[in-house]
PDB file of all heavy atoms in Angstrom:
ATOM      1  N   ALA A   1      -2.900   3.404 -10.732  1.00  0.00           N
ATOM      2  CA  ALA A   1      -1.835   4.364 -10.250  1.00  0.00           C
ATOM      3  C   ALA A   1      -2.355   5.210  -9.114  1.00  0.00           C
ATOM      4  O   ALA A   1      -1.608   5.384  -8.095  1.00  0.00           O
ATOM      5  CB  ALA A   1      -1.337   5.174 -11.401  1.00  0.00           C
ATOM      6  N   LEU A   2      -3.558   5.781  -9.261  1.00  0.00           N
ATOM      7  CA  LEU A   2      -4.147   6.704  -8.324  1.00  0.00           C
ATOM      8  C   LEU A   2      -4.471   5.909  -6.959  1.00  0.00           C
ATOM      9  O   LEU A   2      -4.078   6.321  -5.822  1.00  0.00           O
ATOM     10  CB  LEU A   2      -5.277   7.440  -8.808  1.00  0.00           C
ATOM     11  CG  LEU A   2      -5.117   8.395  -9.919  1.00  0.00           C
ATOM     12  CD1 LEU A   2      -6.368   9.039 -10.379  1.00  0.00           C
ATOM     13  CD2 LEU A   2      -4.090   9.568  -9.508  1.00  0.00           C
ATOM     14  N   TRP A   3      -5.149   4.876  -7.138  1.00  0.00           N
ATOM     15  CA  TRP A   3      -5.578   3.999  -5.997  1.00  0.00           C
ATOM     16  C   TRP A   3      -4.270   3.442  -5.239  1.00  0.00           C
ATOM     17  O   TRP A   3      -4.261   3.575  -4.031  1.00  0.00           O
ATOM     18  CB  TRP A   3      -6.352   2.901  -6.500  1.00  0.00           C
ATOM     19  CG  TRP A   3      -6.834   1.972  -5.462  1.00  0.00           C
ATOM     20  CD1 TRP A   3      -7.658   1.968  -4.333  1.00  0.00           C
ATOM     21  CD2 TRP A   3      -6.217   0.543  -5.336  1.00  0.00           C
ATOM     22  NE1 TRP A   3      -7.648   0.888  -3.698  1.00  0.00           N
ATOM     23  CE2 TRP A   3      -6.877  -0.108  -4.192  1.00  0.00           C
ATOM     24  CE3 TRP A   3      -5.333  -0.133  -6.113  1.00  0.00           C
ATOM     25  CZ2 TRP A   3      -6.555  -1.379  -3.820  1.00  0.00           C
ATOM     26  CZ3 TRP A   3      -5.132  -1.509  -5.724  1.00  0.00           C
ATOM     27  CH2 TRP A   3      -5.676  -2.121  -4.547  1.00  0.00           C
ATOM     28  N   GLY A   4      -3.369   2.843  -5.997  1.00  0.00           N
ATOM     29  CA  GLY A   4      -2.191   2.309  -5.417  1.00  0.00           C
ATOM     30  C   GLY A   4      -1.371   3.403  -4.693  1.00  0.00           C
ATOM     31  O   GLY A   4      -0.792   3.204  -3.543  1.00  0.00           O
ATOM     32  N   ALA A   5      -1.241   4.564  -5.292  1.00  0.00           N
ATOM     33  CA  ALA A   5      -0.479   5.651  -4.640  1.00  0.00           C
ATOM     34  C   ALA A   5      -1.086   6.107  -3.326  1.00  0.00           C
ATOM     35  O   ALA A   5      -0.414   6.323  -2.281  1.00  0.00           O
ATOM     36  CB  ALA A   5      -0.331   6.816  -5.632  1.00  0.00           C
ATOM     37  N   ASP A   6      -2.415   6.279  -3.329  1.00  0.00           N
ATOM     38  CA  ASP A   6      -3.039   6.726  -2.065  1.00  0.00           C
ATOM     39  C   ASP A   6      -2.883   5.609  -1.101  1.00  0.00           C
ATOM     40  O   ASP A   6      -2.704   5.904   0.132  1.00  0.00           O
ATOM     41  CB  ASP A   6      -4.443   7.108  -2.364  1.00  0.00           C
ATOM     42  CG  ASP A   6      -5.191   7.536  -1.130  1.00  0.00           C
ATOM     43  OD1 ASP A   6      -4.813   8.597  -0.561  1.00  0.00           O
ATOM     44  OD2 ASP A   6      -6.164   6.873  -0.577  1.00  0.00           O
ATOM     45  N   LEU A   7      -3.152   4.408  -1.413  1.00  0.00           N
ATOM     46  CA  LEU A   7      -3.053   3.294  -0.495  1.00  0.00           C
ATOM     47  C   LEU A   7      -1.675   3.186   0.112  1.00  0.00           C
ATOM     48  O   LEU A   7      -1.500   3.063   1.337  1.00  0.00           O
ATOM     49  CB  LEU A   7      -3.338   2.019  -1.236  1.00  0.00           C
ATOM     50  CG  LEU A   7      -3.417   0.699  -0.452  1.00  0.00           C
ATOM     51  CD1 LEU A   7      -4.487   0.721   0.551  1.00  0.00           C
ATOM     52  CD2 LEU A   7      -3.452  -0.503  -1.363  1.00  0.00           C
ATOM     53  N   LEU A   8      -0.665   3.207  -0.688  1.00  0.00           N
ATOM     54  CA  LEU A   8       0.728   3.105  -0.161  1.00  0.00           C
ATOM     55  C   LEU A   8       1.111   4.270   0.703  1.00  0.00           C
ATOM     56  O   LEU A   8       1.886   4.280   1.663  1.00  0.00           O
ATOM     57  CB  LEU A   8       1.712   2.858  -1.265  1.00  0.00           C
ATOM     58  CG  LEU A   8       1.576   1.495  -1.884  1.00  0.00           C
ATOM     59  CD1 LEU A   8       2.637   1.391  -3.095  1.00  0.00           C
ATOM     60  CD2 LEU A   8       1.703   0.356  -0.988  1.00  0.00           C
ATOM     61  N   ALA A   9       0.553   5.543   0.271  1.00  0.00           N
ATOM     62  CA  ALA A   9       0.898   6.698   1.033  1.00  0.00           C
ATOM     63  C   ALA A   9       0.338   6.704   2.471  1.00  0.00           C
ATOM     64  O   ALA A   9       0.974   7.129   3.426  1.00  0.00           O
ATOM     65  CB  ALA A   9       0.444   8.026   0.262  1.00  0.00           C
ATOM     66  N   ARG A  10      -0.897   6.148   2.542  1.00  0.00           N
ATOM     67  CA  ARG A  10      -1.509   6.073   3.813  1.00  0.00           C
ATOM     68  C   ARG A  10      -0.743   5.020   4.636  1.00  0.00           C
ATOM     69  O   ARG A  10      -0.564   5.196   6.001  1.00  0.00           O
ATOM     70  CB  ARG A  10      -2.985   5.603   3.612  1.00  0.00           C
ATOM     71  CG  ARG A  10      -3.841   6.619   3.041  1.00  0.00           C
ATOM     72  CD  ARG A  10      -5.337   6.130   2.739  1.00  0.00           C
ATOM     73  NE  ARG A  10      -6.145   7.063   2.101  1.00  0.00           N
ATOM     74  CZ  ARG A  10      -6.773   8.031   2.669  1.00  0.00           C
ATOM     75  NH1 ARG A  10      -6.651   8.253   3.984  1.00  0.00           N
ATOM     76  NH2 ARG A  10      -7.567   8.822   1.855  1.00  0.00           N
ATOM     77  N   ARG A  11      -0.383   3.934   4.124  1.00  0.00           N
ATOM     78  CA  ARG A  11       0.476   2.900   4.874  1.00  0.00           C
ATOM     79  C   ARG A  11       1.759   3.502   5.285  1.00  0.00           C
ATOM     80  O   ARG A  11       2.267   3.290   6.432  1.00  0.00           O
ATOM     81  CB  ARG A  11       0.697   1.715   3.947  1.00  0.00           C
ATOM     82  CG  ARG A  11      -0.602   1.064   3.628  1.00  0.00           C
ATOM     83  CD  ARG A  11      -1.171   0.227   4.734  1.00  0.00           C
ATOM     84  NE  ARG A  11      -2.466  -0.442   4.432  1.00  0.00           N
ATOM     85  CZ  ARG A  11      -2.604  -1.665   3.926  1.00  0.00           C
ATOM     86  NH1 ARG A  11      -1.436  -2.364   3.742  1.00  0.00           N
ATOM     87  NH2 ARG A  11      -3.752  -2.136   3.688  1.00  0.00           N
ATOM     88  N   ALA A  12       2.428   4.304   4.449  1.00  0.00           N
ATOM     89  CA  ALA A  12       3.691   4.913   4.827  1.00  0.00           C
ATOM     90  C   ALA A  12       3.589   5.869   5.959  1.00  0.00           C
ATOM     91  O   ALA A  12       4.396   5.978   6.859  1.00  0.00           O
ATOM     92  CB  ALA A  12       4.317   5.581   3.525  1.00  0.00           C
ATOM     93  N   ARG A  13       2.476   6.595   5.911  1.00  0.00           N
ATOM     94  CA  ARG A  13       2.284   7.592   6.953  1.00  0.00           C
ATOM     95  C   ARG A  13       2.002   7.028   8.407  1.00  0.00           C
ATOM     96  O   ARG A  13       2.330   7.492   9.420  1.00  0.00           O
ATOM     97  CB  ARG A  13       1.137   8.560   6.735  1.00  0.00           C
ATOM     98  CG  ARG A  13       1.501   9.627   5.665  1.00  0.00           C
ATOM     99  CD  ARG A  13       0.478  10.772   5.711  1.00  0.00           C
ATOM    100  NE  ARG A  13      -0.903  10.260   5.489  1.00  0.00           N
ATOM    101  CZ  ARG A  13      -1.443  10.160   4.300  1.00  0.00           C
ATOM    102  NH1 ARG A  13      -0.782  10.610   3.191  1.00  0.00           N
ATOM    103  NH2 ARG A  13      -2.615   9.800   4.152  1.00  0.00           N
ATOM    104  N   GLN A  14       1.348   5.786   8.301  1.00  0.00           N
ATOM    105  CA  GLN A  14       1.189   4.919   9.512  1.00  0.00           C
ATOM    106  C   GLN A  14       2.348   4.182   9.972  1.00  0.00           C
ATOM    107  O   GLN A  14       2.211   3.510  10.984  1.00  0.00           O
ATOM    108  CB  GLN A  14      -0.067   4.081   9.258  1.00  0.00           C
ATOM    109  CG  GLN A  14      -1.427   4.864   9.065  1.00  0.00           C
ATOM    110  CD  GLN A  14      -2.450   4.034   8.570  1.00  0.00           C
ATOM    111  OE1 GLN A  14      -2.287   2.852   8.512  1.00  0.00           O
ATOM    112  NE2 GLN A  14      -3.657   4.516   8.343  1.00  0.00           N
ATOM    113  N   GLY A  15       3.393   4.236   9.176  1.00  0.00           N
ATOM    114  CA  GLY A  15       4.599   3.509   9.466  1.00  0.00           C
ATOM    115  C   GLY A  15       4.568   2.070   9.084  1.00  0.00           C
ATOM    116  O   GLY A  15       5.449   1.240   9.514  1.00  0.00           O
ATOM    117  N   ARG A  16       3.496   1.572   8.338  1.00  0.00           N
ATOM    118  CA  ARG A  16       3.440   0.249   7.983  1.00  0.00           C
ATOM    119  C   ARG A  16       3.883   0.036   6.544  1.00  0.00           C
ATOM    120  O   ARG A  16       3.099   0.068   5.564  1.00  0.00           O
ATOM    121  CB  ARG A  16       1.948  -0.228   8.064  1.00  0.00           C
ATOM    122  CG  ARG A  16       1.346  -0.156   9.464  1.00  0.00           C
ATOM    123  CD  ARG A  16      -0.066  -0.696   9.518  1.00  0.00           C
ATOM    124  NE  ARG A  16      -1.022   0.103   8.719  1.00  0.00           N
ATOM    125  CZ  ARG A  16      -2.238  -0.185   8.428  1.00  0.00           C
ATOM    126  NH1 ARG A  16      -2.706  -1.378   8.743  1.00  0.00           N
ATOM    127  NH2 ARG A  16      -2.977   0.494   7.632  1.00  0.00           N
ATOM    128  N   ILE A  17       5.202  -0.041   6.486  1.00  0.00           N
ATOM    129  CA  ILE A  17       5.866  -0.166   5.127  1.00  0.00           C
ATOM    130  C   ILE A  17       6.605  -1.497   4.870  1.00  0.00           C
ATOM    131  O   ILE A  17       7.490  -1.590   4.074  1.00  0.00           O
ATOM    132  CB  ILE A  17       6.880   1.088   4.846  1.00  0.00           C
ATOM    133  CG1 ILE A  17       7.852   1.058   5.946  1.00  0.00           C
ATOM    134  CG2 ILE A  17       5.943   2.314   4.700  1.00  0.00           C
ATOM    135  CD1 ILE A  17       8.843   2.212   5.678  1.00  0.00           C
ATOM    136  N   GLU A  18       6.305  -2.482   5.793  1.00  0.00           N
ATOM    137  CA  GLU A  18       6.801  -3.892   5.531  1.00  0.00           C
ATOM    138  C   GLU A  18       6.158  -4.379   4.234  1.00  0.00           C
ATOM    139  O   GLU A  18       5.037  -4.068   3.855  1.00  0.00           O
ATOM    140  CB  GLU A  18       6.476  -4.694   6.727  1.00  0.00           C
ATOM    141  CG  GLU A  18       7.290  -4.353   7.990  1.00  0.00           C
ATOM    142  CD  GLU A  18       7.025  -5.294   9.167  1.00  0.00           C
ATOM    143  OE1 GLU A  18       6.315  -6.290   8.858  1.00  0.00           O
ATOM    144  OE2 GLU A  18       7.527  -4.960  10.164  1.00  0.00           O
ATOM    145  N   TRP A  19       6.876  -5.337   3.626  1.00  0.00           N
ATOM    146  CA  TRP A  19       6.508  -5.772   2.238  1.00  0.00           C
ATOM    147  C   TRP A  19       5.115  -6.440   2.309  1.00  0.00           C
ATOM    148  O   TRP A  19       4.343  -6.266   1.405  1.00  0.00           O
ATOM    149  CB  TRP A  19       7.574  -6.667   1.673  1.00  0.00           C
ATOM    150  CG  TRP A  19       7.709  -8.083   2.325  1.00  0.00           C
ATOM    151  CD1 TRP A  19       8.486  -8.366   3.366  1.00  0.00           C
ATOM    152  CD2 TRP A  19       7.076  -9.225   1.894  1.00  0.00           C
ATOM    153  NE1 TRP A  19       8.300  -9.768   3.631  1.00  0.00           N
ATOM    154  CE2 TRP A  19       7.383 -10.223   2.703  1.00  0.00           C
ATOM    155  CE3 TRP A  19       6.082  -9.487   0.919  1.00  0.00           C
ATOM    156  CZ2 TRP A  19       6.944 -11.579   2.708  1.00  0.00           C
ATOM    157  CZ3 TRP A  19       5.551 -10.743   0.743  1.00  0.00           C
ATOM    158  CH2 TRP A  19       6.016 -11.830   1.643  1.00  0.00           C
ATOM    159  N   ARG A  20       4.735  -7.188   3.292  1.00  0.00           N
ATOM    160  CA  ARG A  20       3.550  -7.815   3.484  1.00  0.00           C
ATOM    161  C   ARG A  20       2.370  -6.812   3.543  1.00  0.00           C
ATOM    162  O   ARG A  20       1.280  -6.932   2.836  1.00  0.00           O
ATOM    163  CB  ARG A  20       3.408  -8.719   4.616  1.00  0.00           C
ATOM    164  CG  ARG A  20       4.234 -10.028   4.503  1.00  0.00           C
ATOM    165  CD  ARG A  20       4.109 -10.902   5.766  1.00  0.00           C
ATOM    166  NE  ARG A  20       4.952 -12.091   5.703  1.00  0.00           N
ATOM    167  CZ  ARG A  20       6.214 -12.038   6.073  1.00  0.00           C
ATOM    168  NH1 ARG A  20       6.783 -11.031   6.665  1.00  0.00           N
ATOM    169  NH2 ARG A  20       6.847 -13.250   6.011  1.00  0.00           N
ATOM    170  N   GLN A  21       2.592  -5.661   4.162  1.00  0.00           N
ATOM    171  CA  GLN A  21       1.509  -4.690   4.314  1.00  0.00           C
ATOM    172  C   GLN A  21       1.519  -3.891   3.054  1.00  0.00           C
ATOM    173  O   GLN A  21       0.466  -3.193   2.775  1.00  0.00           O
ATOM    174  CB  GLN A  21       1.925  -3.773   5.608  1.00  0.00           C
ATOM    175  CG  GLN A  21       1.762  -4.599   6.882  1.00  0.00           C
ATOM    176  CD  GLN A  21       2.411  -3.841   8.053  1.00  0.00           C
ATOM    177  OE1 GLN A  21       3.101  -2.856   7.812  1.00  0.00           O
ATOM    178  NE2 GLN A  21       1.972  -4.276   9.291  1.00  0.00           N
ATOM    179  N   MET A  22       2.598  -3.771   2.363  1.00  0.00           N
ATOM    180  CA  MET A  22       2.581  -2.980   1.105  1.00  0.00           C
ATOM    181  C   MET A  22       1.903  -3.725  -0.044  1.00  0.00           C
ATOM    182  O   MET A  22       1.127  -3.141  -0.891  1.00  0.00           O
ATOM    183  CB  MET A  22       4.031  -2.613   0.722  1.00  0.00           C
ATOM    184  CG  MET A  22       4.651  -1.494   1.556  1.00  0.00           C
ATOM    185  SD  MET A  22       6.117  -0.940   0.730  1.00  0.00           S
ATOM    186  CE  MET A  22       7.145  -2.407   0.659  1.00  0.00           C
ATOM    187  N   LEU A  23       1.983  -5.023  -0.042  1.00  0.00           N
ATOM    188  CA  LEU A  23       1.529  -5.751  -1.147  1.00  0.00           C
ATOM    189  C   LEU A  23      -0.033  -6.183  -1.087  1.00  0.00           C
ATOM    190  O   LEU A  23      -0.625  -6.386  -2.038  1.00  0.00           O
ATOM    191  CB  LEU A  23       2.341  -7.140  -1.293  1.00  0.00           C
ATOM    192  CG  LEU A  23       3.751  -7.018  -1.592  1.00  0.00           C
ATOM    193  CD1 LEU A  23       4.452  -8.367  -1.740  1.00  0.00           C
ATOM    194  CD2 LEU A  23       3.969  -6.211  -2.831  1.00  0.00           C
ATOM    195  N   ILE A  24      -0.534  -6.060   0.147  1.00  0.00           N
ATOM    196  CA  ILE A  24      -1.876  -6.366   0.403  1.00  0.00           C
ATOM    197  C   ILE A  24      -2.647  -5.075   0.813  1.00  0.00           C
ATOM    198  O   ILE A  24      -2.175  -4.463   1.864  1.00  0.00           O
ATOM    199  CB  ILE A  24      -2.109  -7.522   1.407  1.00  0.00           C
ATOM    200  CG1 ILE A  24      -1.428  -8.734   0.900  1.00  0.00           C
ATOM    201  CG2 ILE A  24      -3.547  -7.789   1.678  1.00  0.00           C
ATOM    202  CD1 ILE A  24      -1.379  -9.912   1.862  1.00  0.00           C
ATOM    203  N   PRO A  25      -3.654  -4.671   0.087  1.00  0.00           N
ATOM    204  CA  PRO A  25      -4.370  -5.219  -1.101  1.00  0.00           C
ATOM    205  C   PRO A  25      -3.893  -4.890  -2.386  1.00  0.00           C
ATOM    206  O   PRO A  25      -4.593  -4.989  -3.430  1.00  0.00           O
ATOM    207  CB  PRO A  25      -5.761  -4.888  -0.773  1.00  0.00           C
ATOM    208  CG  PRO A  25      -5.683  -3.424  -0.256  1.00  0.00           C
ATOM    209  CD  PRO A  25      -4.340  -3.449   0.597  1.00  0.00           C
ATOM    210  N   LEU A  26      -2.670  -4.224  -2.547  1.00  0.00           N
ATOM    211  CA  LEU A  26      -2.145  -3.738  -3.783  1.00  0.00           C
ATOM    212  C   LEU A  26      -2.031  -4.896  -4.780  1.00  0.00           C
ATOM    213  O   LEU A  26      -2.533  -4.746  -5.982  1.00  0.00           O
ATOM    214  CB  LEU A  26      -0.922  -3.002  -3.621  1.00  0.00           C
ATOM    215  CG  LEU A  26      -0.291  -2.342  -4.924  1.00  0.00           C
ATOM    216  CD1 LEU A  26      -1.281  -1.327  -5.491  1.00  0.00           C
ATOM    217  CD2 LEU A  26       1.070  -1.814  -4.587  1.00  0.00           C
ATOM    218  N   MET A  27      -1.325  -5.958  -4.417  1.00  0.00           N
ATOM    219  CA  MET A  27      -1.151  -7.102  -5.301  1.00  0.00           C
ATOM    220  C   MET A  27      -2.523  -7.758  -5.747  1.00  0.00           C
ATOM    221  O   MET A  27      -2.688  -7.988  -6.972  1.00  0.00           O
ATOM    222  CB  MET A  27      -0.251  -8.084  -4.683  1.00  0.00           C
ATOM    223  CG  MET A  27       0.088  -9.354  -5.608  1.00  0.00           C
ATOM    224  SD  MET A  27       1.162 -10.445  -4.935  1.00  0.00           S
ATOM    225  CE  MET A  27       2.668  -9.738  -5.089  1.00  0.00           C
ATOM    226  N   PRO A  28      -3.494  -8.063  -4.849  1.00  0.00           N
ATOM    227  CA  PRO A  28      -4.735  -8.565  -5.387  1.00  0.00           C
ATOM    228  C   PRO A  28      -5.426  -7.700  -6.321  1.00  0.00           C
ATOM    229  O   PRO A  28      -6.041  -8.118  -7.243  1.00  0.00           O
ATOM    230  CB  PRO A  28      -5.499  -8.774  -4.085  1.00  0.00           C
ATOM    231  CG  PRO A  28      -4.461  -8.967  -3.024  1.00  0.00           C
ATOM    232  CD  PRO A  28      -3.413  -8.103  -3.438  1.00  0.00           C
ATOM    233  N   GLY A  29      -5.398  -6.371  -6.066  1.00  0.00           N
ATOM    234  CA  GLY A  29      -6.096  -5.416  -6.924  1.00  0.00           C
ATOM    235  C   GLY A  29      -5.465  -5.364  -8.316  1.00  0.00           C
ATOM    236  O   GLY A  29      -6.115  -5.418  -9.346  1.00  0.00           O
ATOM    237  N   THR A  30      -4.091  -5.411  -8.306  1.00  0.00           N
ATOM    238  CA  THR A  30      -3.444  -5.534  -9.671  1.00  0.00           C
ATOM    239  C   THR A  30      -3.660  -6.821 -10.364  1.00  0.00           C
ATOM    240  O   THR A  30      -3.824  -6.831 -11.545  1.00  0.00           O
ATOM    241  CB  THR A  30      -1.906  -5.332  -9.416  1.00  0.00           C
ATOM    242  OG1 THR A  30      -1.665  -4.219  -8.741  1.00  0.00           O
ATOM    243  CG2 THR A  30      -1.100  -5.206 -10.710  1.00  0.00           C
TER     244      THR A  30
END
């Protein structure tokens, strides 16, 4: 939860919120 939240928050601030950029590396980590 903590690692994924920080990872996605950084991607969202950079404007990279397309599904491919959201799932990697979140999906492999999960």
